[in-house]
């Protein structure tokens, strides 16, 4: 489930739910990616409810980030927020859990790249 937020009053509520991350107000578009545990549980049981629903939301958010980058737009993955407050802002039912907030817009700056973990710390050969 994805929700798009366009009005300033609703965005102000989202900023509060996202622990005061004011840059959300400046974005041209803000998407909220959610896990719907009911949909995945029907087909895959507990693993679908607990894991696949979150994977679906994270993959969708990542593809949205890649699509935005291809259009030379900037994005930032927002993961610090109060789940219940975001759920109220987007009027989502209890079985829907917000996973990521994605502000999308033209970047105001081009920050330096942040260091990444070395590949050897992420990949383990068998």
PDB file of N, CA and C in Angstrom:
ATOM      1  N   UNK A   1       0.843  -1.170   0.000  1.00  0.00           N
ATOM      2  CA  UNK A   1       0.000   0.000   0.000  1.00  0.00           C
ATOM      3  C   UNK A   1       0.884   1.226   0.000  1.00  0.00           C
ATOM      4  N   UNK A   2       0.565   2.192  -0.850  1.00  0.00           N
ATOM      5  CA  UNK A   2       1.295   3.438  -0.917  1.00  0.00           C
ATOM      6  C   UNK A   2       0.308   4.575  -0.828  1.00  0.00           C
ATOM      7  N   UNK A   3       0.644   5.593  -0.062  1.00  0.00           N
ATOM      8  CA  UNK A   3      -0.202   6.770   0.069  1.00  0.00           C
ATOM      9  C   UNK A   3       0.612   7.984  -0.331  1.00  0.00           C
ATOM     10  N   UNK A   4       0.021   8.886  -1.146  1.00  0.00           N
ATOM     11  CA  UNK A   4       0.683  10.116  -1.550  1.00  0.00           C
ATOM     12  C   UNK A   4       0.066  11.276  -0.785  1.00  0.00           C
ATOM     13  N   UNK A   5       0.928  12.134  -0.237  1.00  0.00           N
ATOM     14  CA  UNK A   5       0.445  13.250   0.572  1.00  0.00           C
ATOM     15  C   UNK A   5       0.780  14.558  -0.126  1.00  0.00           C
ATOM     16  N   UNK A   6      -0.236  15.374  -0.420  1.00  0.00           N
ATOM     17  CA  UNK A   6       0.028  16.599  -1.164  1.00  0.00           C
ATOM     18  C   UNK A   6      -0.299  17.874  -0.407  1.00  0.00           C
ATOM     19  N   UNK A   7      -1.228  17.877   0.531  1.00  0.00           N
ATOM     20  CA  UNK A   7      -1.616  19.100   1.225  1.00  0.00           C
ATOM     21  C   UNK A   7      -0.681  19.458   2.364  1.00  0.00           C
ATOM     22  N   UNK A   8      -0.438  20.765   2.554  1.00  0.00           N
ATOM     23  CA  UNK A   8       0.460  21.228   3.628  1.00  0.00           C
ATOM     24  C   UNK A   8      -0.044  20.854   5.027  1.00  0.00           C
ATOM     25  N   UNK A   9      -1.359  21.001   5.341  1.00  0.00           N
ATOM     26  CA  UNK A   9      -1.785  20.625   6.698  1.00  0.00           C
ATOM     27  C   UNK A   9      -1.508  19.153   7.014  1.00  0.00           C
ATOM     28  N   UNK A  10      -1.752  18.286   6.061  1.00  0.00           N
ATOM     29  CA  UNK A  10      -1.500  16.860   6.301  1.00  0.00           C
ATOM     30  C   UNK A  10       0.001  16.598   6.387  1.00  0.00           C
ATOM     31  N   UNK A  11       0.779  17.344   5.628  1.00  0.00           N
ATOM     32  CA  UNK A  11       2.237  17.185   5.700  1.00  0.00           C
ATOM     33  C   UNK A  11       2.776  17.654   7.051  1.00  0.00           C
ATOM     34  N   UNK A  12       2.210  18.709   7.596  1.00  0.00           N
ATOM     35  CA  UNK A  12       2.643  19.167   8.935  1.00  0.00           C
ATOM     36  C   UNK A  12       2.389  18.073   9.966  1.00  0.00           C
ATOM     37  N   UNK A  13       1.260  17.405   9.850  1.00  0.00           N
ATOM     38  CA  UNK A  13       0.970  16.289  10.752  1.00  0.00           C
ATOM     39  C   UNK A  13       1.985  15.167  10.549  1.00  0.00           C
ATOM     40  N   UNK A  14       2.349  14.939   9.290  1.00  0.00           N
ATOM     41  CA  UNK A  14       3.330  13.897   8.992  1.00  0.00           C
ATOM     42  C   UNK A  14       4.696  14.271   9.565  1.00  0.00           C
ATOM     43  N   UNK A  15       5.071  15.539   9.481  1.00  0.00           N
ATOM     44  CA  UNK A  15       6.340  15.992  10.074  1.00  0.00           C
ATOM     45  C   UNK A  15       6.356  15.693  11.568  1.00  0.00           C
ATOM     46  N   UNK A  16       5.259  15.987  12.252  1.00  0.00           N
ATOM     47  CA  UNK A  16       5.186  15.686  13.691  1.00  0.00           C
ATOM     48  C   UNK A  16       5.307  14.178  13.927  1.00  0.00           C
ATOM     49  N   UNK A  17       4.629  13.386  13.104  1.00  0.00           N
ATOM     50  CA  UNK A  17       4.697  11.923  13.233  1.00  0.00           C
ATOM     51  C   UNK A  17       6.104  11.410  12.937  1.00  0.00           C
ATOM     52  N   UNK A  18       6.841  12.144  12.090  1.00  0.00           N
ATOM     53  CA  UNK A  18       8.199  11.758  11.706  1.00  0.00           C
ATOM     54  C   UNK A  18       9.239  12.472  12.577  1.00  0.00           C
ATOM     55  N   UNK A  19       8.866  12.760  13.805  1.00  0.00           N
ATOM     56  CA  UNK A  19       9.796  13.275  14.807  1.00  0.00           C
ATOM     57  C   UNK A  19      10.430  14.604  14.407  1.00  0.00           C
ATOM     58  N   UNK A  20       9.644  15.449  13.711  1.00  0.00           N
ATOM     59  CA  UNK A  20      10.083  16.804  13.399  1.00  0.00           C
ATOM     60  C   UNK A  20      10.976  16.949  12.184  1.00  0.00           C
ATOM     61  N   UNK A  21      10.975  16.014  11.279  1.00  0.00           N
ATOM     62  CA  UNK A  21      11.825  16.088  10.089  1.00  0.00           C
ATOM     63  C   UNK A  21      11.190  17.047   9.071  1.00  0.00           C
ATOM     64  N   UNK A  22      11.511  18.334   9.234  1.00  0.00           N
ATOM     65  CA  UNK A  22      10.883  19.438   8.511  1.00  0.00           C
ATOM     66  C   UNK A  22      11.059  19.372   6.992  1.00  0.00           C
ATOM     67  N   UNK A  23      12.114  18.756   6.494  1.00  0.00           N
ATOM     68  CA  UNK A  23      12.348  18.716   5.053  1.00  0.00           C
ATOM     69  C   UNK A  23      11.205  18.043   4.305  1.00  0.00           C
ATOM     70  N   UNK A  24      10.390  17.279   5.009  1.00  0.00           N
ATOM     71  CA  UNK A  24       9.229  16.633   4.384  1.00  0.00           C
ATOM     72  C   UNK A  24       8.294  17.676   3.776  1.00  0.00           C
ATOM     73  N   UNK A  25       8.222  18.853   4.406  1.00  0.00           N
ATOM     74  CA  UNK A  25       7.352  19.922   3.902  1.00  0.00           C
ATOM     75  C   UNK A  25       7.815  20.457   2.554  1.00  0.00           C
ATOM     76  N   UNK A  26       9.111  20.430   2.277  1.00  0.00           N
ATOM     77  CA  UNK A  26       9.665  21.031   1.066  1.00  0.00           C
ATOM     78  C   UNK A  26       9.562  20.131  -0.162  1.00  0.00           C
ATOM     79  N   UNK A  27       9.297  18.864   0.012  1.00  0.00           N
ATOM     80  CA  UNK A  27       9.279  17.922  -1.114  1.00  0.00           C
ATOM     81  C   UNK A  27       8.087  18.180  -2.031  1.00  0.00           C
ATOM     82  N   UNK A  28       8.283  17.950  -3.307  1.00  0.00           N
ATOM     83  CA  UNK A  28       7.192  18.082  -4.266  1.00  0.00           C
ATOM     84  C   UNK A  28       6.124  17.020  -4.059  1.00  0.00           C
ATOM     85  N   UNK A  29       6.564  15.823  -3.703  1.00  0.00           N
ATOM     86  CA  UNK A  29       5.667  14.690  -3.476  1.00  0.00           C
ATOM     87  C   UNK A  29       6.202  13.923  -2.270  1.00  0.00           C
ATOM     88  N   UNK A  30       5.297  13.420  -1.453  1.00  0.00           N
ATOM     89  CA  UNK A  30       5.691  12.555  -0.342  1.00  0.00           C
ATOM     90  C   UNK A  30       4.866  11.281  -0.439  1.00  0.00           C
ATOM     91  N   UNK A  31       5.565  10.156  -0.489  1.00  0.00           N
ATOM     92  CA  UNK A  31       4.910   8.851  -0.529  1.00  0.00           C
ATOM     93  C   UNK A  31       5.142   8.143   0.799  1.00  0.00           C
ATOM     94  N   UNK A  32       4.138   7.410   1.254  1.00  0.00           N
ATOM     95  CA  UNK A  32       4.277   6.586   2.446  1.00  0.00           C
ATOM     96  C   UNK A  32       4.052   5.138   2.009  1.00  0.00           C
ATOM     97  N   UNK A  33       5.063   4.307   2.216  1.00  0.00           N
ATOM     98  CA  UNK A  33       4.991   2.902   1.838  1.00  0.00           C
ATOM     99  C   UNK A  33       4.637   2.088   3.070  1.00  0.00           C
ATOM    100  N   UNK A  34       3.662   1.211   2.903  1.00  0.00           N
ATOM    101  CA  UNK A  34       3.137   0.456   4.042  1.00  0.00           C
ATOM    102  C   UNK A  34       3.107  -1.034   3.746  1.00  0.00           C
ATOM    103  N   UNK A  35       3.202  -1.804   4.813  1.00  0.00           N
ATOM    104  CA  UNK A  35       3.047  -3.254   4.735  1.00  0.00           C
ATOM    105  C   UNK A  35       1.614  -3.598   5.111  1.00  0.00           C
ATOM    106  N   UNK A  36       0.977  -4.386   4.261  1.00  0.00           N
ATOM    107  CA  UNK A  36      -0.386  -4.850   4.546  1.00  0.00           C
ATOM    108  C   UNK A  36      -0.290  -6.328   4.909  1.00  0.00           C
ATOM    109  N   UNK A  37      -0.265  -6.586   6.193  1.00  0.00           N
ATOM    110  CA  UNK A  37      -0.038  -7.951   6.663  1.00  0.00           C
ATOM    111  C   UNK A  37      -1.168  -8.906   6.291  1.00  0.00           C
ATOM    112  N   UNK A  38      -2.368  -8.410   6.138  1.00  0.00           N
ATOM    113  CA  UNK A  38      -3.512  -9.265   5.813  1.00  0.00           C
ATOM    114  C   UNK A  38      -3.372  -9.876   4.423  1.00  0.00           C
ATOM    115  N   UNK A  39      -2.965  -9.075   3.450  1.00  0.00           N
ATOM    116  CA  UNK A  39      -2.847  -9.577   2.074  1.00  0.00           C
ATOM    117  C   UNK A  39      -1.857 -10.727   1.987  1.00  0.00           C
ATOM    118  N   UNK A  40      -0.692 -10.555   2.589  1.00  0.00           N
ATOM    119  CA  UNK A  40       0.334 -11.584   2.491  1.00  0.00           C
ATOM    120  C   UNK A  40       0.043 -12.787   3.372  1.00  0.00           C
ATOM    121  N   UNK A  41      -0.625 -12.594   4.480  1.00  0.00           N
ATOM    122  CA  UNK A  41      -0.934 -13.712   5.373  1.00  0.00           C
ATOM    123  C   UNK A  41      -1.932 -14.664   4.737  1.00  0.00           C
ATOM    124  N   UNK A  42      -2.825 -14.164   3.917  1.00  0.00           N
ATOM    125  CA  UNK A  42      -3.827 -15.017   3.271  1.00  0.00           C
ATOM    126  C   UNK A  42      -3.165 -16.095   2.426  1.00  0.00           C
ATOM    127  N   UNK A  43      -2.081 -15.732   1.773  1.00  0.00           N
ATOM    128  CA  UNK A  43      -1.431 -16.689   0.881  1.00  0.00           C
ATOM    129  C   UNK A  43      -0.254 -17.415   1.537  1.00  0.00           C
ATOM    130  N   UNK A  44       0.500 -16.690   2.387  1.00  0.00           N
ATOM    131  CA  UNK A  44       1.753 -17.244   2.891  1.00  0.00           C
ATOM    132  C   UNK A  44       1.796 -17.455   4.399  1.00  0.00           C
ATOM    133  N   UNK A  45       0.691 -17.247   5.072  1.00  0.00           N
ATOM    134  CA  UNK A  45       0.650 -17.495   6.511  1.00  0.00           C
ATOM    135  C   UNK A  45       1.478 -16.510   7.313  1.00  0.00           C
ATOM    136  N   UNK A  46       2.019 -16.990   8.422  1.00  0.00           N
ATOM    137  CA  UNK A  46       2.750 -16.131   9.355  1.00  0.00           C
ATOM    138  C   UNK A  46       3.968 -15.467   8.712  1.00  0.00           C
ATOM    139  N   UNK A  47       4.710 -16.202   7.889  1.00  0.00           N
ATOM    140  CA  UNK A  47       5.890 -15.616   7.243  1.00  0.00           C
ATOM    141  C   UNK A  47       5.478 -14.476   6.308  1.00  0.00           C
ATOM    142  N   UNK A  48       4.377 -14.633   5.621  1.00  0.00           N
ATOM    143  CA  UNK A  48       3.875 -13.560   4.766  1.00  0.00           C
ATOM    144  C   UNK A  48       3.479 -12.342   5.571  1.00  0.00           C
ATOM    145  N   UNK A  49       2.815 -12.567   6.708  1.00  0.00           N
ATOM    146  CA  UNK A  49       2.377 -11.460   7.562  1.00  0.00           C
ATOM    147  C   UNK A  49       3.574 -10.723   8.158  1.00  0.00           C
ATOM    148  N   UNK A  50       4.532 -11.478   8.651  1.00  0.00           N
ATOM    149  CA  UNK A  50       5.650 -10.898   9.388  1.00  0.00           C
ATOM    150  C   UNK A  50       6.761 -10.367   8.488  1.00  0.00           C
ATOM    151  N   UNK A  51       7.064 -11.074   7.397  1.00  0.00           N
ATOM    152  CA  UNK A  51       8.236 -10.726   6.587  1.00  0.00           C
ATOM    153  C   UNK A  51       7.888 -10.229   5.189  1.00  0.00           C
ATOM    154  N   UNK A  52       7.113 -10.992   4.431  1.00  0.00           N
ATOM    155  CA  UNK A  52       6.869 -10.632   3.030  1.00  0.00           C
ATOM    156  C   UNK A  52       6.179  -9.291   2.876  1.00  0.00           C
ATOM    157  N   UNK A  53       5.295  -8.957   3.788  1.00  0.00           N
ATOM    158  CA  UNK A  53       4.597  -7.672   3.709  1.00  0.00           C
ATOM    159  C   UNK A  53       5.600  -6.518   3.811  1.00  0.00           C
ATOM    160  N   UNK A  54       6.562  -6.640   4.707  1.00  0.00           N
ATOM    161  CA  UNK A  54       7.588  -5.603   4.865  1.00  0.00           C
ATOM    162  C   UNK A  54       8.507  -5.587   3.652  1.00  0.00           C
ATOM    163  N   UNK A  55       8.868  -6.763   3.147  1.00  0.00           N
ATOM    164  CA  UNK A  55       9.715  -6.823   1.958  1.00  0.00           C
ATOM    165  C   UNK A  55       9.033  -6.152   0.767  1.00  0.00           C
ATOM    166  N   UNK A  56       7.751  -6.405   0.583  1.00  0.00           N
ATOM    167  CA  UNK A  56       7.020  -5.778  -0.525  1.00  0.00           C
ATOM    168  C   UNK A  56       7.091  -4.259  -0.440  1.00  0.00           C
ATOM    169  N   UNK A  57       6.884  -3.719   0.750  1.00  0.00           N
ATOM    170  CA  UNK A  57       6.908  -2.265   0.921  1.00  0.00           C
ATOM    171  C   UNK A  57       8.304  -1.694   0.688  1.00  0.00           C
ATOM    172  N   UNK A  58       9.333  -2.376   1.183  1.00  0.00           N
ATOM    173  CA  UNK A  58      10.688  -1.854   1.017  1.00  0.00           C
ATOM    174  C   UNK A  58      11.145  -1.925  -0.439  1.00  0.00           C
ATOM    175  N   UNK A  59      10.784  -2.989  -1.132  1.00  0.00           N
ATOM    176  CA  UNK A  59      11.142  -3.101  -2.542  1.00  0.00           C
ATOM    177  C   UNK A  59      10.425  -2.012  -3.352  1.00  0.00           C
ATOM    178  N   UNK A  60       9.152  -1.787  -3.074  1.00  0.00           N
ATOM    179  CA  UNK A  60       8.408  -0.742  -3.782  1.00  0.00           C
ATOM    180  C   UNK A  60       9.033   0.628  -3.540  1.00  0.00           C
ATOM    181  N   UNK A  61       9.437   0.902  -2.317  1.00  0.00           N
ATOM    182  CA  UNK A  61      10.068   2.185  -1.997  1.00  0.00           C
ATOM    183  C   UNK A  61      11.403   2.325  -2.734  1.00  0.00           C
ATOM    184  N   UNK A  62      12.177   1.274  -2.758  1.00  0.00           N
ATOM    185  CA  UNK A  62      13.468   1.310  -3.446  1.00  0.00           C
ATOM    186  C   UNK A  62      13.285   1.557  -4.939  1.00  0.00           C
ATOM    187  N   UNK A  63      12.317   0.898  -5.559  1.00  0.00           N
ATOM    188  CA  UNK A  63      12.056   1.131  -6.985  1.00  0.00           C
ATOM    189  C   UNK A  63      11.599   2.564  -7.231  1.00  0.00           C
ATOM    190  N   UNK A  64      10.821   3.123  -6.319  1.00  0.00           N
ATOM    191  CA  UNK A  64      10.410   4.527  -6.452  1.00  0.00           C
ATOM    192  C   UNK A  64      11.631   5.442  -6.369  1.00  0.00           C
ATOM    193  N   UNK A  65      12.573   5.119  -5.494  1.00  0.00           N
ATOM    194  CA  UNK A  65      13.799   5.903  -5.388  1.00  0.00           C
ATOM    195  C   UNK A  65      14.612   5.827  -6.687  1.00  0.00           C
ATOM    196  N   UNK A  66      14.714   4.635  -7.247  1.00  0.00           N
ATOM    197  CA  UNK A  66      15.458   4.465  -8.501  1.00  0.00           C
ATOM    198  C   UNK A  66      14.778   5.212  -9.652  1.00  0.00           C
ATOM    199  N   UNK A  67      13.460   5.149  -9.715  1.00  0.00           N
ATOM    200  CA  UNK A  67      12.720   5.865 -10.763  1.00  0.00           C
ATOM    201  C   UNK A  67      12.918   7.367 -10.611  1.00  0.00           C
ATOM    202  N   UNK A  68      12.876   7.858  -9.383  1.00  0.00           N
ATOM    203  CA  UNK A  68      13.088   9.291  -9.146  1.00  0.00           C
ATOM    204  C   UNK A  68      14.502   9.693  -9.563  1.00  0.00           C
ATOM    205  N   UNK A  69      15.491   8.882  -9.219  1.00  0.00           N
ATOM    206  CA  UNK A  69      16.880   9.186  -9.591  1.00  0.00           C
ATOM    207  C   UNK A  69      17.037   9.233 -11.103  1.00  0.00           C
ATOM    208  N   UNK A  70      16.352   8.336 -11.813  1.00  0.00           N
ATOM    209  CA  UNK A  70      16.412   8.340 -13.277  1.00  0.00           C
ATOM    210  C   UNK A  70      15.842   9.633 -13.858  1.00  0.00           C
ATOM    211  N   UNK A  71      14.949  10.281 -13.128  1.00  0.00           N
ATOM    212  CA  UNK A  71      14.366  11.561 -13.544  1.00  0.00           C
ATOM    213  C   UNK A  71      15.132  12.746 -12.952  1.00  0.00           C
ATOM    214  N   UNK A  72      16.290  12.458 -12.356  1.00  0.00           N
ATOM    215  CA  UNK A  72      17.147  13.460 -11.722  1.00  0.00           C
ATOM    216  C   UNK A  72      16.459  14.170 -10.562  1.00  0.00           C
ATOM    217  N   UNK A  73      15.614  13.427  -9.866  1.00  0.00           N
ATOM    218  CA  UNK A  73      14.964  13.928  -8.657  1.00  0.00           C
ATOM    219  C   UNK A  73      15.694  13.369  -7.442  1.00  0.00           C
ATOM    220  N   UNK A  74      15.585  14.067  -6.339  1.00  0.00           N
ATOM    221  CA  UNK A  74      16.199  13.610  -5.105  1.00  0.00           C
ATOM    222  C   UNK A  74      15.165  12.933  -4.216  1.00  0.00           C
ATOM    223  N   UNK A  75      15.623  12.001  -3.419  1.00  0.00           N
ATOM    224  CA  UNK A  75      14.772  11.310  -2.452  1.00  0.00           C
ATOM    225  C   UNK A  75      15.557  11.130  -1.166  1.00  0.00           C
ATOM    226  N   UNK A  76      14.837  10.867  -0.110  1.00  0.00           N
ATOM    227  CA  UNK A  76      15.484  10.462   1.141  1.00  0.00           C
ATOM    228  C   UNK A  76      14.542   9.484   1.830  1.00  0.00           C
ATOM    229  N   UNK A  77      15.092   8.359   2.246  1.00  0.00           N
ATOM    230  CA  UNK A  77      14.323   7.334   2.943  1.00  0.00           C
ATOM    231  C   UNK A  77      14.152   7.790   4.380  1.00  0.00           C
ATOM    232  N   UNK A  78      12.924   7.960   4.812  1.00  0.00           N
ATOM    233  CA  UNK A  78      12.643   8.342   6.193  1.00  0.00           C
ATOM    234  C   UNK A  78      12.092   7.110   6.909  1.00  0.00           C
ATOM    235  N   UNK A  79      12.840   6.647   7.888  1.00  0.00           N
ATOM    236  CA  UNK A  79      12.417   5.482   8.651  1.00  0.00           C
ATOM    237  C   UNK A  79      12.155   5.780  10.115  1.00  0.00           C
ATOM    238  N   UNK A  80      12.514   6.990  10.542  1.00  0.00           N
ATOM    239  CA  UNK A  80      12.303   7.380  11.938  1.00  0.00           C
ATOM    240  C   UNK A  80      10.961   8.091  12.059  1.00  0.00           C
ATOM    241  N   UNK A  81       9.990   7.385  12.598  1.00  0.00           N
ATOM    242  CA  UNK A  81       8.659   7.960  12.775  1.00  0.00           C
ATOM    243  C   UNK A  81       7.872   7.097  13.744  1.00  0.00           C
ATOM    244  N   UNK A  82       6.774   7.650  14.214  1.00  0.00           N
ATOM    245  CA  UNK A  82       5.861   6.935  15.090  1.00  0.00           C
ATOM    246  C   UNK A  82       4.828   6.229  14.206  1.00  0.00           C
ATOM    247  N   UNK A  83       4.833   4.907  14.226  1.00  0.00           N
ATOM    248  CA  UNK A  83       3.941   4.118  13.361  1.00  0.00           C
ATOM    249  C   UNK A  83       2.478   4.519  13.507  1.00  0.00           C
ATOM    250  N   UNK A  84       2.004   4.583  14.748  1.00  0.00           N
ATOM    251  CA  UNK A  84       0.589   4.895  14.974  1.00  0.00           C
ATOM    252  C   UNK A  84       0.230   6.286  14.493  1.00  0.00           C
ATOM    253  N   UNK A  85       1.116   7.257  14.700  1.00  0.00           N
ATOM    254  CA  UNK A  85       0.844   8.622  14.256  1.00  0.00           C
ATOM    255  C   UNK A  85       0.790   8.703  12.733  1.00  0.00           C
ATOM    256  N   UNK A  86       1.715   8.026  12.042  1.00  0.00           N
ATOM    257  CA  UNK A  86       1.687   8.020  10.575  1.00  0.00           C
ATOM    258  C   UNK A  86       0.425   7.320  10.084  1.00  0.00           C
ATOM    259  N   UNK A  87       0.078   6.206  10.708  1.00  0.00           N
ATOM    260  CA  UNK A  87      -1.139   5.481  10.328  1.00  0.00           C
ATOM    261  C   UNK A  87      -2.357   6.407  10.429  1.00  0.00           C
ATOM    262  N   UNK A  88      -2.414   7.225  11.473  1.00  0.00           N
ATOM    263  CA  UNK A  88      -3.526   8.162  11.627  1.00  0.00           C
ATOM    264  C   UNK A  88      -3.500   9.237  10.540  1.00  0.00           C
ATOM    265  N   UNK A  89      -2.319   9.759  10.224  1.00  0.00           N
ATOM    266  CA  UNK A  89      -2.200  10.803   9.201  1.00  0.00           C
ATOM    267  C   UNK A  89      -2.711  10.306   7.860  1.00  0.00           C
ATOM    268  N   UNK A  90      -2.365   9.080   7.492  1.00  0.00           N
ATOM    269  CA  UNK A  90      -2.768   8.560   6.177  1.00  0.00           C
ATOM    270  C   UNK A  90      -4.085   7.791   6.242  1.00  0.00           C
ATOM    271  N   UNK A  91      -4.685   7.744   7.427  1.00  0.00           N
ATOM    272  CA  UNK A  91      -5.980   7.093   7.622  1.00  0.00           C
ATOM    273  C   UNK A  91      -5.945   5.623   7.197  1.00  0.00           C
ATOM    274  N   UNK A  92      -4.915   4.926   7.653  1.00  0.00           N
ATOM    275  CA  UNK A  92      -4.735   3.514   7.314  1.00  0.00           C
ATOM    276  C   UNK A  92      -5.353   2.637   8.399  1.00  0.00           C
ATOM    277  N   UNK A  93      -5.862   1.475   8.018  1.00  0.00           N
ATOM    278  CA  UNK A  93      -6.410   0.548   9.013  1.00  0.00           C
ATOM    279  C   UNK A  93      -5.305  -0.064   9.876  1.00  0.00           C
ATOM    280  N   UNK A  94      -5.689  -0.705  10.937  1.00  0.00           N
ATOM    281  CA  UNK A  94      -4.758  -1.262  11.920  1.00  0.00           C
ATOM    282  C   UNK A  94      -3.825  -2.319  11.332  1.00  0.00           C
ATOM    283  N   UNK A  95      -4.262  -3.050  10.318  1.00  0.00           N
ATOM    284  CA  UNK A  95      -3.428  -4.107   9.726  1.00  0.00           C
ATOM    285  C   UNK A  95      -2.383  -3.562   8.750  1.00  0.00           C
ATOM    286  N   UNK A  96      -2.369  -2.251   8.555  1.00  0.00           N
ATOM    287  CA  UNK A  96      -1.411  -1.615   7.645  1.00  0.00           C
ATOM    288  C   UNK A  96      -0.351  -0.910   8.494  1.00  0.00           C
ATOM    289  N   UNK A  97       0.916  -1.260   8.252  1.00  0.00           N
ATOM    290  CA  UNK A  97       2.022  -0.701   9.022  1.00  0.00           C
ATOM    291  C   UNK A  97       2.907   0.160   8.127  1.00  0.00           C
ATOM    292  N   UNK A  98       3.084   1.438   8.461  1.00  0.00           N
ATOM    293  CA  UNK A  98       4.007   2.271   7.686  1.00  0.00           C
ATOM    294  C   UNK A  98       5.428   1.719   7.808  1.00  0.00           C
ATOM    295  N   UNK A  99       6.118   1.658   6.675  1.00  0.00           N
ATOM    296  CA  UNK A  99       7.478   1.130   6.634  1.00  0.00           C
ATOM    297  C   UNK A  99       8.477   2.230   6.284  1.00  0.00           C
ATOM    298  N   UNK A 100       8.108   3.109   5.355  1.00  0.00           N
ATOM    299  CA  UNK A 100       9.021   4.171   4.919  1.00  0.00           C
ATOM    300  C   UNK A 100       8.225   5.365   4.417  1.00  0.00           C
ATOM    301  N   UNK A 101       8.757   6.543   4.677  1.00  0.00           N
ATOM    302  CA  UNK A 101       8.244   7.783   4.113  1.00  0.00           C
ATOM    303  C   UNK A 101       9.277   8.228   3.094  1.00  0.00           C
ATOM    304  N   UNK A 102       8.821   8.589   1.890  1.00  0.00           N
ATOM    305  CA  UNK A 102       9.746   8.964   0.832  1.00  0.00           C
ATOM    306  C   UNK A 102       9.404  10.331   0.253  1.00  0.00           C
ATOM    307  N   UNK A 103      10.055  11.392   0.732  1.00  0.00           N
ATOM    308  CA  UNK A 103       9.908  12.692   0.088  1.00  0.00           C
ATOM    309  C   UNK A 103      10.668  12.676  -1.249  1.00  0.00           C
ATOM    310  N   UNK A 104      10.058  13.241  -2.284  1.00  0.00           N
ATOM    311  CA  UNK A 104      10.660  13.284  -3.617  1.00  0.00           C
ATOM    312  C   UNK A 104      10.599  14.719  -4.120  1.00  0.00           C
ATOM    313  N   UNK A 105      11.709  15.205  -4.660  1.00  0.00           N
ATOM    314  CA  UNK A 105      11.714  16.559  -5.214  1.00  0.00           C
ATOM    315  C   UNK A 105      13.050  16.899  -5.837  1.00  0.00           C
ATOM    316  N   UNK A 106      13.173  18.143  -6.261  1.00  0.00           N
ATOM    317  CA  UNK A 106      14.439  18.607  -6.812  1.00  0.00           C
ATOM    318  C   UNK A 106      15.374  18.914  -5.651  1.00  0.00           C
ATOM    319  N   UNK A 107      16.581  18.358  -5.670  1.00  0.00           N
ATOM    320  CA  UNK A 107      17.504  18.546  -4.543  1.00  0.00           C
ATOM    321  C   UNK A 107      17.914  20.013  -4.391  1.00  0.00           C
ATOM    322  N   UNK A 108      17.973  20.477  -3.153  1.00  0.00           N
ATOM    323  CA  UNK A 108      18.428  21.824  -2.850  1.00  0.00           C
ATOM    324  C   UNK A 108      19.959  21.882  -2.799  1.00  0.00           C
ATOM    325  N   UNK A 109      20.580  20.742  -2.658  1.00  0.00           N
ATOM    326  CA  UNK A 109      22.041  20.673  -2.564  1.00  0.00           C
ATOM    327  C   UNK A 109      22.503  19.317  -3.067  1.00  0.00           C
ATOM    328  N   UNK A 110      23.790  19.200  -3.304  1.00  0.00           N
ATOM    329  CA  UNK A 110      24.384  17.923  -3.683  1.00  0.00           C
ATOM    330  C   UNK A 110      25.401  17.553  -2.609  1.00  0.00           C
ATOM    331  N   UNK A 111      24.975  16.803  -1.616  1.00  0.00           N
ATOM    332  CA  UNK A 111      25.893  16.474  -0.516  1.00  0.00           C
ATOM    333  C   UNK A 111      26.967  15.481  -0.966  1.00  0.00           C
ATOM    334  N   UNK A 112      28.060  15.455  -0.206  1.00  0.00           N
ATOM    335  CA  UNK A 112      29.103  14.472  -0.460  1.00  0.00           C
ATOM    336  C   UNK A 112      28.542  13.086  -0.191  1.00  0.00           C
ATOM    337  N   UNK A 113      29.055  12.111  -0.906  1.00  0.00           N
ATOM    338  CA  UNK A 113      28.639  10.727  -0.665  1.00  0.00           C
ATOM    339  C   UNK A 113      29.059  10.306   0.729  1.00  0.00           C
ATOM    340  N   UNK A 114      28.199   9.564   1.371  1.00  0.00           N
ATOM    341  CA  UNK A 114      28.544   9.039   2.688  1.00  0.00           C
ATOM    342  C   UNK A 114      29.292   7.717   2.512  1.00  0.00           C
ATOM    343  N   UNK A 115      30.216   7.414   3.405  1.00  0.00           N
ATOM    344  CA  UNK A 115      30.951   6.153   3.264  1.00  0.00           C
ATOM    345  C   UNK A 115      30.009   4.960   3.398  1.00  0.00           C
ATOM    346  N   UNK A 116      30.293   3.947   2.646  1.00  0.00           N
ATOM    347  CA  UNK A 116      29.521   2.706   2.679  1.00  0.00           C
ATOM    348  C   UNK A 116      30.352   1.621   3.337  1.00  0.00           C
ATOM    349  N   UNK A 117      29.671   0.619   3.832  1.00  0.00           N
ATOM    350  CA  UNK A 117      30.385  -0.527   4.396  1.00  0.00           C
ATOM    351  C   UNK A 117      31.115  -1.247   3.262  1.00  0.00           C
ATOM    352  N   UNK A 118      32.294  -1.752   3.548  1.00  0.00           N
ATOM    353  CA  UNK A 118      32.997  -2.530   2.520  1.00  0.00           C
ATOM    354  C   UNK A 118      32.188  -3.777   2.150  1.00  0.00           C
ATOM    355  N   UNK A 119      32.275  -4.166   0.909  1.00  0.00           N
ATOM    356  CA  UNK A 119      31.535  -5.326   0.424  1.00  0.00           C
ATOM    357  C   UNK A 119      31.835  -6.561   1.260  1.00  0.00           C
ATOM    358  N   UNK A 120      33.060  -6.699   1.704  1.00  0.00           N
ATOM    359  CA  UNK A 120      33.428  -7.857   2.526  1.00  0.00           C
ATOM    360  C   UNK A 120      32.676  -7.934   3.845  1.00  0.00           C
ATOM    361  N   UNK A 121      32.137  -6.817   4.312  1.00  0.00           N
ATOM    362  CA  UNK A 121      31.355  -6.807   5.554  1.00  0.00           C
ATOM    363  C   UNK A 121      29.891  -7.179   5.306  1.00  0.00           C
ATOM    364  N   UNK A 122      29.480  -7.171   4.039  1.00  0.00           N
ATOM    365  CA  UNK A 122      28.093  -7.445   3.694  1.00  0.00           C
ATOM    366  C   UNK A 122      27.887  -8.807   3.045  1.00  0.00           C
ATOM    367  N   UNK A 123      28.914  -9.297   2.380  1.00  0.00           N
ATOM    368  CA  UNK A 123      28.800 -10.550   1.624  1.00  0.00           C
ATOM    369  C   UNK A 123      29.653 -11.610   2.297  1.00  0.00           C
ATOM    370  N   UNK A 124      29.092 -12.782   2.452  1.00  0.00           N
ATOM    371  CA  UNK A 124      29.831 -13.892   3.050  1.00  0.00           C
ATOM    372  C   UNK A 124      29.829 -15.060   2.062  1.00  0.00           C
ATOM    373  N   UNK A 125      31.017 -15.466   1.650  1.00  0.00           N
ATOM    374  CA  UNK A 125      31.129 -16.579   0.704  1.00  0.00           C
ATOM    375  C   UNK A 125      30.912 -17.896   1.438  1.00  0.00           C
ATOM    376  N   UNK A 126      30.275 -18.812   0.742  1.00  0.00           N
ATOM    377  CA  UNK A 126      30.048 -20.151   1.282  1.00  0.00           C
ATOM    378  C   UNK A 126      30.915 -21.152   0.572  1.00  0.00           C
TER     379      UNK A 126
END
